[in-house]
Amino acid sequence: MIKKILLGGAIGLVVLIIVAVIVVGLFLGSLVKAGMETVGPKVTQVSIKVDAVNVSLLTGSAGVKGLVIGNPPGYKAPHAISVGTATVGVDPFSVLSDKIVVHSVRVETAEINFEGNLFSGNNLTKIMHNVNAFTKGGGSAPTNTTAKTSPKPAKKIQVDDFLITGARVNFNGATLTLPDVHLLNLGKGSDGITAADLTQQVLEALTAATVKAVAGAASDIGKSAGSVGKDLGKSLGSGASNLTKGLGGLFQKSTK
């Protein structure tokens, strides 16, 4: 009888733990969503909206739907980047440590609205500059800190595999399919990287790939359509004959 009682109690405890994990996972989704929409704009200086975030602690997986990154002031499109779905695979035990280990991130059906010229005066590089300024400044310091208290250091991150696939770029009425952007071993090592550093590296790679695709399309048009290509190049902020100049290192970075 006692063994049955203990066994029943143990089973009940396991069930309670599983239920608790599921409930916490459901609440974590809303917490992550709120965090993305609160902290994200501080890093990028543009609005960030998310339809839904689902987190499963049992499987170490998470999903993001309807991520929309706004445009900086002065640009016409309602947003710079939108993402249909993103899936994340996490080591669930690392969530309790100082460094969260993310095994994989897969971003699908992203749409990019490219506005401005190729080299610096465009919406993507403006967002990237905002992120760079945030990371160099070490982030925004809390306003109520005193000599006796200090903010808790942010968790570091390691991302083993980050893939952006099936992205499309809209510019001047044309739509391009972007080649896959694939990043490996981000923050690998004992130190890891911050969320802002991760944003910086991913945005740099995405911007470089976008600029390369737009420049390649404009160059192809210039070869096949003569003056039409030149007009398109000018509308992008540079003559078609100058499109390949100055991109050198940027092109190489996007292919790493």
C-alpha atoms as a PDB file:
ATOM      1  CA  MET A   1       0.000   0.000   0.000  1.00  0.00           C
ATOM      2  CA  ILE A   2       2.763   2.411   0.960  1.00  0.00           C
ATOM      3  CA  LYS A   3       4.620   1.629  -2.291  1.00  0.00           C
ATOM      4  CA  LYS A   4       1.463   2.369  -4.281  1.00  0.00           C
ATOM      5  CA  ILE A   5       1.012   5.656  -2.442  1.00  0.00           C
ATOM      6  CA  LEU A   6       4.636   6.654  -3.079  1.00  0.00           C
ATOM      7  CA  LEU A   7       4.404   5.607  -6.731  1.00  0.00           C
ATOM      8  CA  GLY A   8       1.174   7.519  -7.157  1.00  0.00           C
ATOM      9  CA  GLY A   9       2.726  10.552  -5.493  1.00  0.00           C
ATOM     10  CA  ALA A  10       5.792  10.357  -7.746  1.00  0.00           C
ATOM     11  CA  ILE A  11       3.648  10.115 -10.889  1.00  0.00           C
ATOM     12  CA  GLY A  12       1.540  13.022  -9.699  1.00  0.00           C
ATOM     13  CA  LEU A  13       4.690  15.082  -9.076  1.00  0.00           C
ATOM     14  CA  VAL A  14       6.007  14.331 -12.577  1.00  0.00           C
ATOM     15  CA  VAL A  15       2.667  15.349 -14.079  1.00  0.00           C
ATOM     16  CA  LEU A  16       2.683  18.582 -12.078  1.00  0.00           C
ATOM     17  CA  ILE A  17       6.222  19.358 -13.229  1.00  0.00           C
ATOM     18  CA  ILE A  18       5.282  18.750 -16.878  1.00  0.00           C
ATOM     19  CA  VAL A  19       2.195  20.937 -16.538  1.00  0.00           C
ATOM     20  CA  ALA A  20       4.265  23.638 -14.854  1.00  0.00           C
ATOM     21  CA  VAL A  21       6.824  23.565 -17.671  1.00  0.00           C
ATOM     22  CA  ILE A  22       4.066  23.852 -20.269  1.00  0.00           C
ATOM     23  CA  VAL A  23       2.429  26.755 -18.434  1.00  0.00           C
ATOM     24  CA  VAL A  24       5.770  28.534 -17.977  1.00  0.00           C
ATOM     25  CA  GLY A  25       6.485  27.979 -21.683  1.00  0.00           C
ATOM     26  CA  LEU A  26       3.193  29.621 -22.598  1.00  0.00           C
ATOM     27  CA  PHE A  27       3.938  32.612 -20.394  1.00  0.00           C
ATOM     28  CA  LEU A  28       7.505  32.799 -21.686  1.00  0.00           C
ATOM     29  CA  GLY A  29       6.154  33.344 -25.192  1.00  0.00           C
ATOM     30  CA  SER A  30       4.335  36.492 -24.131  1.00  0.00           C
ATOM     31  CA  LEU A  31       7.347  37.633 -22.112  1.00  0.00           C
ATOM     32  CA  VAL A  32       9.706  37.152 -25.059  1.00  0.00           C
ATOM     33  CA  LYS A  33       7.268  38.987 -27.349  1.00  0.00           C
ATOM     34  CA  ALA A  34       7.085  41.903 -24.915  1.00  0.00           C
ATOM     35  CA  GLY A  35      10.866  41.926 -24.587  1.00  0.00           C
ATOM     36  CA  MET A  36      11.392  41.994 -28.351  1.00  0.00           C
ATOM     37  CA  GLU A  37       8.974  44.879 -28.760  1.00  0.00           C
ATOM     38  CA  THR A  38      10.497  46.816 -25.838  1.00  0.00           C
ATOM     39  CA  VAL A  39      14.236  46.203 -26.089  1.00  0.00           C
ATOM     40  CA  GLY A  40      14.421  45.838 -29.879  1.00  0.00           C
ATOM     41  CA  PRO A  41      13.506  49.471 -30.651  1.00  0.00           C
ATOM     42  CA  LYS A  42      16.181  50.673 -28.208  1.00  0.00           C
ATOM     43  CA  VAL A  43      18.812  48.798 -30.192  1.00  0.00           C
ATOM     44  CA  THR A  44      17.585  49.563 -33.716  1.00  0.00           C
ATOM     45  CA  GLN A  45      15.902  52.949 -33.118  1.00  0.00           C
ATOM     46  CA  VAL A  46      12.943  51.763 -35.210  1.00  0.00           C
ATOM     47  CA  SER A  47       9.675  50.111 -34.247  1.00  0.00           C
ATOM     48  CA  ILE A  48       9.499  46.331 -33.852  1.00  0.00           C
ATOM     49  CA  LYS A  49       6.246  44.385 -33.764  1.00  0.00           C
ATOM     50  CA  VAL A  50       5.664  40.647 -33.357  1.00  0.00           C
ATOM     51  CA  ASP A  51       2.405  38.770 -33.925  1.00  0.00           C
ATOM     52  CA  ALA A  52       3.244  35.788 -31.712  1.00  0.00           C
ATOM     53  CA  VAL A  53       6.069  33.953 -29.970  1.00  0.00           C
ATOM     54  CA  ASN A  54       5.743  30.307 -28.949  1.00  0.00           C
ATOM     55  CA  VAL A  55       8.261  28.745 -26.556  1.00  0.00           C
ATOM     56  CA  SER A  56       8.548  25.079 -25.580  1.00  0.00           C
ATOM     57  CA  LEU A  57      10.905  24.300 -22.716  1.00  0.00           C
ATOM     58  CA  LEU A  58      10.297  20.580 -23.184  1.00  0.00           C
ATOM     59  CA  THR A  59      11.717  20.503 -26.714  1.00  0.00           C
ATOM     60  CA  GLY A  60      14.009  23.530 -26.481  1.00  0.00           C
ATOM     61  CA  SER A  61      12.309  25.170 -29.435  1.00  0.00           C
ATOM     62  CA  ALA A  62      10.702  28.525 -30.147  1.00  0.00           C
ATOM     63  CA  GLY A  63       8.837  30.071 -33.028  1.00  0.00           C
ATOM     64  CA  VAL A  64       8.260  33.680 -34.039  1.00  0.00           C
ATOM     65  CA  LYS A  65       5.486  34.764 -36.396  1.00  0.00           C
ATOM     66  CA  GLY A  66       4.916  38.113 -38.038  1.00  0.00           C
ATOM     67  CA  LEU A  67       8.085  39.999 -37.065  1.00  0.00           C
ATOM     68  CA  VAL A  68       8.031  43.515 -38.559  1.00  0.00           C
ATOM     69  CA  ILE A  69      10.978  45.927 -38.306  1.00  0.00           C
ATOM     70  CA  GLY A  70       9.990  49.528 -39.020  1.00  0.00           C
ATOM     71  CA  ASN A  71      11.646  52.035 -41.318  1.00  0.00           C
ATOM     72  CA  PRO A  72      13.789  54.939 -40.070  1.00  0.00           C
ATOM     73  CA  PRO A  73      12.288  58.438 -40.397  1.00  0.00           C
ATOM     74  CA  GLY A  74      12.413  59.842 -43.930  1.00  0.00           C
ATOM     75  CA  TYR A  75      11.712  56.578 -45.769  1.00  0.00           C
ATOM     76  CA  LYS A  76       8.384  55.856 -47.442  1.00  0.00           C
ATOM     77  CA  ALA A  77       7.740  52.136 -47.003  1.00  0.00           C
ATOM     78  CA  PRO A  78       5.757  51.181 -43.882  1.00  0.00           C
ATOM     79  CA  HIS A  79       8.556  48.856 -42.788  1.00  0.00           C
ATOM     80  CA  ALA A  80      12.127  47.897 -43.700  1.00  0.00           C
ATOM     81  CA  ILE A  81      11.977  44.150 -43.006  1.00  0.00           C
ATOM     82  CA  SER A  82       9.169  41.707 -42.335  1.00  0.00           C
ATOM     83  CA  VAL A  83       9.545  38.031 -41.472  1.00  0.00           C
ATOM     84  CA  GLY A  84       6.811  35.456 -41.976  1.00  0.00           C
ATOM     85  CA  THR A  85       8.208  32.767 -39.672  1.00  0.00           C
ATOM     86  CA  ALA A  86      11.366  32.095 -37.713  1.00  0.00           C
ATOM     87  CA  THR A  87      12.182  28.924 -35.794  1.00  0.00           C
ATOM     88  CA  VAL A  88      14.793  28.612 -33.070  1.00  0.00           C
ATOM     89  CA  GLY A  89      16.344  25.535 -31.488  1.00  0.00           C
ATOM     90  CA  VAL A  90      17.830  26.131 -28.028  1.00  0.00           C
ATOM     91  CA  ASP A  91      19.680  24.030 -25.490  1.00  0.00           C
ATOM     92  CA  PRO A  92      17.027  24.260 -22.727  1.00  0.00           C
ATOM     93  CA  PHE A  93      19.558  23.747 -19.916  1.00  0.00           C
ATOM     94  CA  SER A  94      21.636  26.702 -21.134  1.00  0.00           C
ATOM     95  CA  VAL A  95      18.741  29.061 -20.394  1.00  0.00           C
ATOM     96  CA  LEU A  96      19.667  28.779 -16.712  1.00  0.00           C
ATOM     97  CA  SER A  97      23.354  29.573 -17.350  1.00  0.00           C
ATOM     98  CA  ASP A  98      25.176  32.813 -18.190  1.00  0.00           C
ATOM     99  CA  LYS A  99      25.299  31.915 -21.903  1.00  0.00           C
ATOM    100  CA  ILE A 100      22.297  30.701 -23.885  1.00  0.00           C
ATOM    101  CA  VAL A 101      23.293  28.187 -26.556  1.00  0.00           C
ATOM    102  CA  VAL A 102      21.137  28.392 -29.686  1.00  0.00           C
ATOM    103  CA  HIS A 103      21.683  25.434 -31.983  1.00  0.00           C
ATOM    104  CA  SER A 104      19.826  26.826 -34.972  1.00  0.00           C
ATOM    105  CA  VAL A 105      17.855  29.809 -36.242  1.00  0.00           C
ATOM    106  CA  ARG A 106      15.912  29.540 -39.505  1.00  0.00           C
ATOM    107  CA  VAL A 107      14.241  32.647 -40.927  1.00  0.00           C
ATOM    108  CA  GLU A 108      11.794  32.117 -43.799  1.00  0.00           C
ATOM    109  CA  THR A 109       9.710  34.330 -46.109  1.00  0.00           C
ATOM    110  CA  ALA A 110      11.475  37.541 -45.183  1.00  0.00           C
ATOM    111  CA  GLU A 111      10.622  40.640 -47.218  1.00  0.00           C
ATOM    112  CA  ILE A 112      12.993  43.589 -47.431  1.00  0.00           C
ATOM    113  CA  ASN A 113      12.043  47.045 -48.689  1.00  0.00           C
ATOM    114  CA  PHE A 114      15.276  48.637 -49.906  1.00  0.00           C
ATOM    115  CA  GLU A 115      15.211  52.446 -50.175  1.00  0.00           C
ATOM    116  CA  GLY A 116      18.044  54.842 -50.952  1.00  0.00           C
ATOM    117  CA  ASN A 117      21.438  54.521 -52.607  1.00  0.00           C
ATOM    118  CA  LEU A 118      23.676  51.492 -52.473  1.00  0.00           C
ATOM    119  CA  PHE A 119      26.592  52.572 -50.365  1.00  0.00           C
ATOM    120  CA  SER A 120      25.417  54.438 -47.279  1.00  0.00           C
ATOM    121  CA  GLY A 121      22.266  56.512 -47.675  1.00  0.00           C
ATOM    122  CA  ASN A 122      19.682  53.742 -47.421  1.00  0.00           C
ATOM    123  CA  ASN A 123      17.251  52.472 -44.829  1.00  0.00           C
ATOM    124  CA  LEU A 124      19.148  49.277 -44.016  1.00  0.00           C
ATOM    125  CA  THR A 125      22.489  50.961 -43.360  1.00  0.00           C
ATOM    126  CA  LYS A 126      20.688  53.568 -41.253  1.00  0.00           C
ATOM    127  CA  ILE A 127      19.315  50.824 -39.003  1.00  0.00           C
ATOM    128  CA  MET A 128      22.734  49.176 -38.977  1.00  0.00           C
ATOM    129  CA  HIS A 129      24.361  52.431 -37.887  1.00  0.00           C
ATOM    130  CA  ASN A 130      21.837  52.689 -35.052  1.00  0.00           C
ATOM    131  CA  VAL A 131      22.729  49.171 -33.889  1.00  0.00           C
ATOM    132  CA  ASN A 132      26.469  49.930 -34.165  1.00  0.00           C
ATOM    133  CA  ALA A 133      26.033  53.053 -32.060  1.00  0.00           C
ATOM    134  CA  PHE A 134      24.160  51.063 -29.425  1.00  0.00           C
ATOM    135  CA  THR A 135      26.793  48.314 -29.226  1.00  0.00           C
ATOM    136  CA  LYS A 136      29.689  50.781 -29.103  1.00  0.00           C
ATOM    137  CA  GLY A 137      27.967  52.737 -26.358  1.00  0.00           C
ATOM    138  CA  GLY A 138      27.397  49.595 -24.333  1.00  0.00           C
ATOM    139  CA  GLY A 139      23.617  50.012 -24.436  1.00  0.00           C
ATOM    140  CA  SER A 140      21.411  52.385 -22.504  1.00  0.00           C
ATOM    141  CA  ALA A 141      22.339  52.667 -18.856  1.00  0.00           C
ATOM    142  CA  PRO A 142      19.479  52.447 -16.346  1.00  0.00           C
ATOM    143  CA  THR A 143      18.501  55.850 -14.993  1.00  0.00           C
ATOM    144  CA  ASN A 144      18.061  54.794 -11.358  1.00  0.00           C
ATOM    145  CA  THR A 145      21.436  53.152 -10.783  1.00  0.00           C
ATOM    146  CA  THR A 146      23.572  54.309  -7.855  1.00  0.00           C
ATOM    147  CA  ALA A 147      27.108  53.688  -6.683  1.00  0.00           C
ATOM    148  CA  LYS A 148      25.820  50.861  -4.450  1.00  0.00           C
ATOM    149  CA  THR A 149      23.871  49.037  -7.159  1.00  0.00           C
ATOM    150  CA  SER A 150      24.794  47.955 -10.626  1.00  0.00           C
ATOM    151  CA  PRO A 151      22.663  46.455 -13.388  1.00  0.00           C
ATOM    152  CA  LYS A 152      22.740  42.701 -13.774  1.00  0.00           C
ATOM    153  CA  PRO A 153      24.915  41.780 -16.755  1.00  0.00           C
ATOM    154  CA  ALA A 154      22.946  40.632 -19.784  1.00  0.00           C
ATOM    155  CA  LYS A 155      23.068  36.988 -20.737  1.00  0.00           C
ATOM    156  CA  LYS A 156      25.441  36.125 -23.550  1.00  0.00           C
ATOM    157  CA  ILE A 157      24.404  34.136 -26.598  1.00  0.00           C
ATOM    158  CA  GLN A 158      25.940  31.519 -28.872  1.00  0.00           C
ATOM    159  CA  VAL A 159      24.294  30.717 -32.209  1.00  0.00           C
ATOM    160  CA  ASP A 160      25.695  27.692 -34.012  1.00  0.00           C
ATOM    161  CA  ASP A 161      23.716  28.034 -37.240  1.00  0.00           C
ATOM    162  CA  PHE A 162      21.771  31.078 -38.502  1.00  0.00           C
ATOM    163  CA  LEU A 163      20.010  30.734 -41.868  1.00  0.00           C
ATOM    164  CA  ILE A 164      17.905  33.298 -43.733  1.00  0.00           C
ATOM    165  CA  THR A 165      16.285  31.608 -46.715  1.00  0.00           C
ATOM    166  CA  GLY A 166      13.733  32.598 -49.341  1.00  0.00           C
ATOM    167  CA  ALA A 167      14.054  36.330 -48.673  1.00  0.00           C
ATOM    168  CA  ARG A 168      12.818  38.831 -51.263  1.00  0.00           C
ATOM    169  CA  VAL A 169      14.008  42.385 -51.853  1.00  0.00           C
ATOM    170  CA  ASN A 170      11.726  45.136 -53.177  1.00  0.00           C
ATOM    171  CA  PHE A 171      13.326  48.189 -54.791  1.00  0.00           C
ATOM    172  CA  ASN A 172      12.030  50.719 -57.310  1.00  0.00           C
ATOM    173  CA  GLY A 173       9.079  48.512 -58.238  1.00  0.00           C
ATOM    174  CA  ALA A 174      11.213  45.411 -58.850  1.00  0.00           C
ATOM    175  CA  THR A 175      11.395  42.263 -56.699  1.00  0.00           C
ATOM    176  CA  LEU A 176      14.516  40.116 -56.313  1.00  0.00           C
ATOM    177  CA  THR A 177      14.989  36.776 -54.618  1.00  0.00           C
ATOM    178  CA  LEU A 178      17.912  36.982 -52.220  1.00  0.00           C
ATOM    179  CA  PRO A 179      20.420  34.107 -52.026  1.00  0.00           C
ATOM    180  CA  ASP A 180      20.552  32.331 -48.677  1.00  0.00           C
ATOM    181  CA  VAL A 181      22.374  34.195 -45.924  1.00  0.00           C
ATOM    182  CA  HIS A 182      24.106  31.574 -43.784  1.00  0.00           C
ATOM    183  CA  LEU A 183      26.116  32.417 -40.660  1.00  0.00           C
ATOM    184  CA  LEU A 184      27.916  29.901 -38.469  1.00  0.00           C
ATOM    185  CA  ASN A 185      29.437  29.825 -34.969  1.00  0.00           C
ATOM    186  CA  LEU A 186      28.297  33.252 -33.797  1.00  0.00           C
ATOM    187  CA  GLY A 187      29.532  33.872 -30.257  1.00  0.00           C
ATOM    188  CA  LYS A 188      31.226  30.508 -30.008  1.00  0.00           C
ATOM    189  CA  GLY A 189      33.621  30.325 -27.072  1.00  0.00           C
ATOM    190  CA  SER A 190      33.377  31.037 -23.388  1.00  0.00           C
ATOM    191  CA  ASP A 191      32.490  34.723 -23.730  1.00  0.00           C
ATOM    192  CA  GLY A 192      29.641  34.560 -26.244  1.00  0.00           C
ATOM    193  CA  ILE A 193      28.034  37.714 -27.623  1.00  0.00           C
ATOM    194  CA  THR A 194      25.222  39.997 -26.541  1.00  0.00           C
ATOM    195  CA  ALA A 195      21.846  40.177 -28.249  1.00  0.00           C
ATOM    196  CA  ALA A 196      22.866  43.563 -29.681  1.00  0.00           C
ATOM    197  CA  ASP A 197      26.088  42.082 -31.088  1.00  0.00           C
ATOM    198  CA  LEU A 198      24.111  39.251 -32.662  1.00  0.00           C
ATOM    199  CA  THR A 199      21.685  41.750 -34.221  1.00  0.00           C
ATOM    200  CA  GLN A 200      24.640  43.716 -35.559  1.00  0.00           C
ATOM    201  CA  GLN A 201      26.302  40.713 -37.232  1.00  0.00           C
ATOM    202  CA  VAL A 202      23.092  39.381 -38.780  1.00  0.00           C
ATOM    203  CA  LEU A 203      21.998  42.814 -40.029  1.00  0.00           C
ATOM    204  CA  GLU A 204      25.439  43.473 -41.543  1.00  0.00           C
ATOM    205  CA  ALA A 205      25.317  40.187 -43.477  1.00  0.00           C
ATOM    206  CA  LEU A 206      21.724  40.785 -44.608  1.00  0.00           C
ATOM    207  CA  THR A 207      22.494  44.358 -45.694  1.00  0.00           C
ATOM    208  CA  ALA A 208      25.591  43.252 -47.623  1.00  0.00           C
ATOM    209  CA  ALA A 209      23.632  40.511 -49.414  1.00  0.00           C
ATOM    210  CA  THR A 210      20.825  42.943 -50.248  1.00  0.00           C
ATOM    211  CA  VAL A 211      23.184  45.590 -51.625  1.00  0.00           C
ATOM    212  CA  LYS A 212      24.979  42.964 -53.704  1.00  0.00           C
ATOM    213  CA  ALA A 213      21.688  41.695 -55.168  1.00  0.00           C
ATOM    214  CA  VAL A 214      20.450  45.206 -55.986  1.00  0.00           C
ATOM    215  CA  ALA A 215      23.788  46.199 -57.523  1.00  0.00           C
ATOM    216  CA  GLY A 216      23.924  43.004 -59.583  1.00  0.00           C
ATOM    217  CA  ALA A 217      20.402  43.546 -60.901  1.00  0.00           C
ATOM    218  CA  ALA A 218      21.138  47.158 -61.828  1.00  0.00           C
ATOM    219  CA  SER A 219      24.375  46.124 -63.536  1.00  0.00           C
ATOM    220  CA  ASP A 220      22.593  43.405 -65.552  1.00  0.00           C
ATOM    221  CA  ILE A 221      19.943  45.873 -66.648  1.00  0.00           C
ATOM    222  CA  GLY A 222      22.677  48.301 -67.634  1.00  0.00           C
ATOM    223  CA  LYS A 223      24.343  45.703 -69.867  1.00  0.00           C
ATOM    224  CA  SER A 224      21.122  44.636 -71.585  1.00  0.00           C
ATOM    225  CA  ALA A 225      19.233  47.898 -71.830  1.00  0.00           C
ATOM    226  CA  GLY A 226      21.876  50.621 -72.103  1.00  0.00           C
ATOM    227  CA  SER A 227      20.403  53.927 -71.077  1.00  0.00           C
ATOM    228  CA  VAL A 228      17.585  52.262 -69.129  1.00  0.00           C
ATOM    229  CA  GLY A 229      20.157  50.645 -66.891  1.00  0.00           C
ATOM    230  CA  LYS A 230      21.938  53.957 -66.423  1.00  0.00           C
ATOM    231  CA  ASP A 231      18.697  55.623 -65.354  1.00  0.00           C
ATOM    232  CA  LEU A 232      18.032  52.814 -62.858  1.00  0.00           C
ATOM    233  CA  GLY A 233      21.553  53.109 -61.532  1.00  0.00           C
ATOM    234  CA  LYS A 234      21.083  56.840 -61.032  1.00  0.00           C
ATOM    235  CA  SER A 235      17.810  56.259 -59.214  1.00  0.00           C
ATOM    236  CA  LEU A 236      19.727  53.995 -56.826  1.00  0.00           C
ATOM    237  CA  GLY A 237      22.204  56.768 -56.141  1.00  0.00           C
ATOM    238  CA  SER A 238      25.050  55.893 -58.530  1.00  0.00           C
ATOM    239  CA  GLY A 239      25.721  55.438 -62.238  1.00  0.00           C
ATOM    240  CA  ALA A 240      25.635  51.868 -63.510  1.00  0.00           C
ATOM    241  CA  SER A 241      29.332  52.073 -64.425  1.00  0.00           C
ATOM    242  CA  ASN A 242      30.213  52.794 -60.797  1.00  0.00           C
ATOM    243  CA  LEU A 243      28.045  50.125 -59.204  1.00  0.00           C
ATOM    244  CA  THR A 244      30.799  47.577 -58.802  1.00  0.00           C
ATOM    245  CA  LYS A 245      33.332  50.074 -57.455  1.00  0.00           C
ATOM    246  CA  GLY A 246      33.532  50.532 -53.721  1.00  0.00           C
ATOM    247  CA  LEU A 247      31.583  47.356 -52.982  1.00  0.00           C
ATOM    248  CA  GLY A 248      34.676  45.095 -52.850  1.00  0.00           C
ATOM    249  CA  GLY A 249      34.923  44.228 -49.176  1.00  0.00           C
ATOM    250  CA  LEU A 250      31.159  44.400 -48.783  1.00  0.00           C
ATOM    251  CA  PHE A 251      30.687  41.734 -51.440  1.00  0.00           C
ATOM    252  CA  GLN A 252      33.280  39.508 -49.834  1.00  0.00           C
ATOM    253  CA  LYS A 253      31.674  39.863 -46.409  1.00  0.00           C
ATOM    254  CA  SER A 254      28.290  38.772 -47.737  1.00  0.00           C
ATOM    255  CA  THR A 255      29.675  35.544 -49.134  1.00  0.00           C
ATOM    256  CA  LYS A 256      31.478  34.374 -45.989  1.00  0.00           C
END
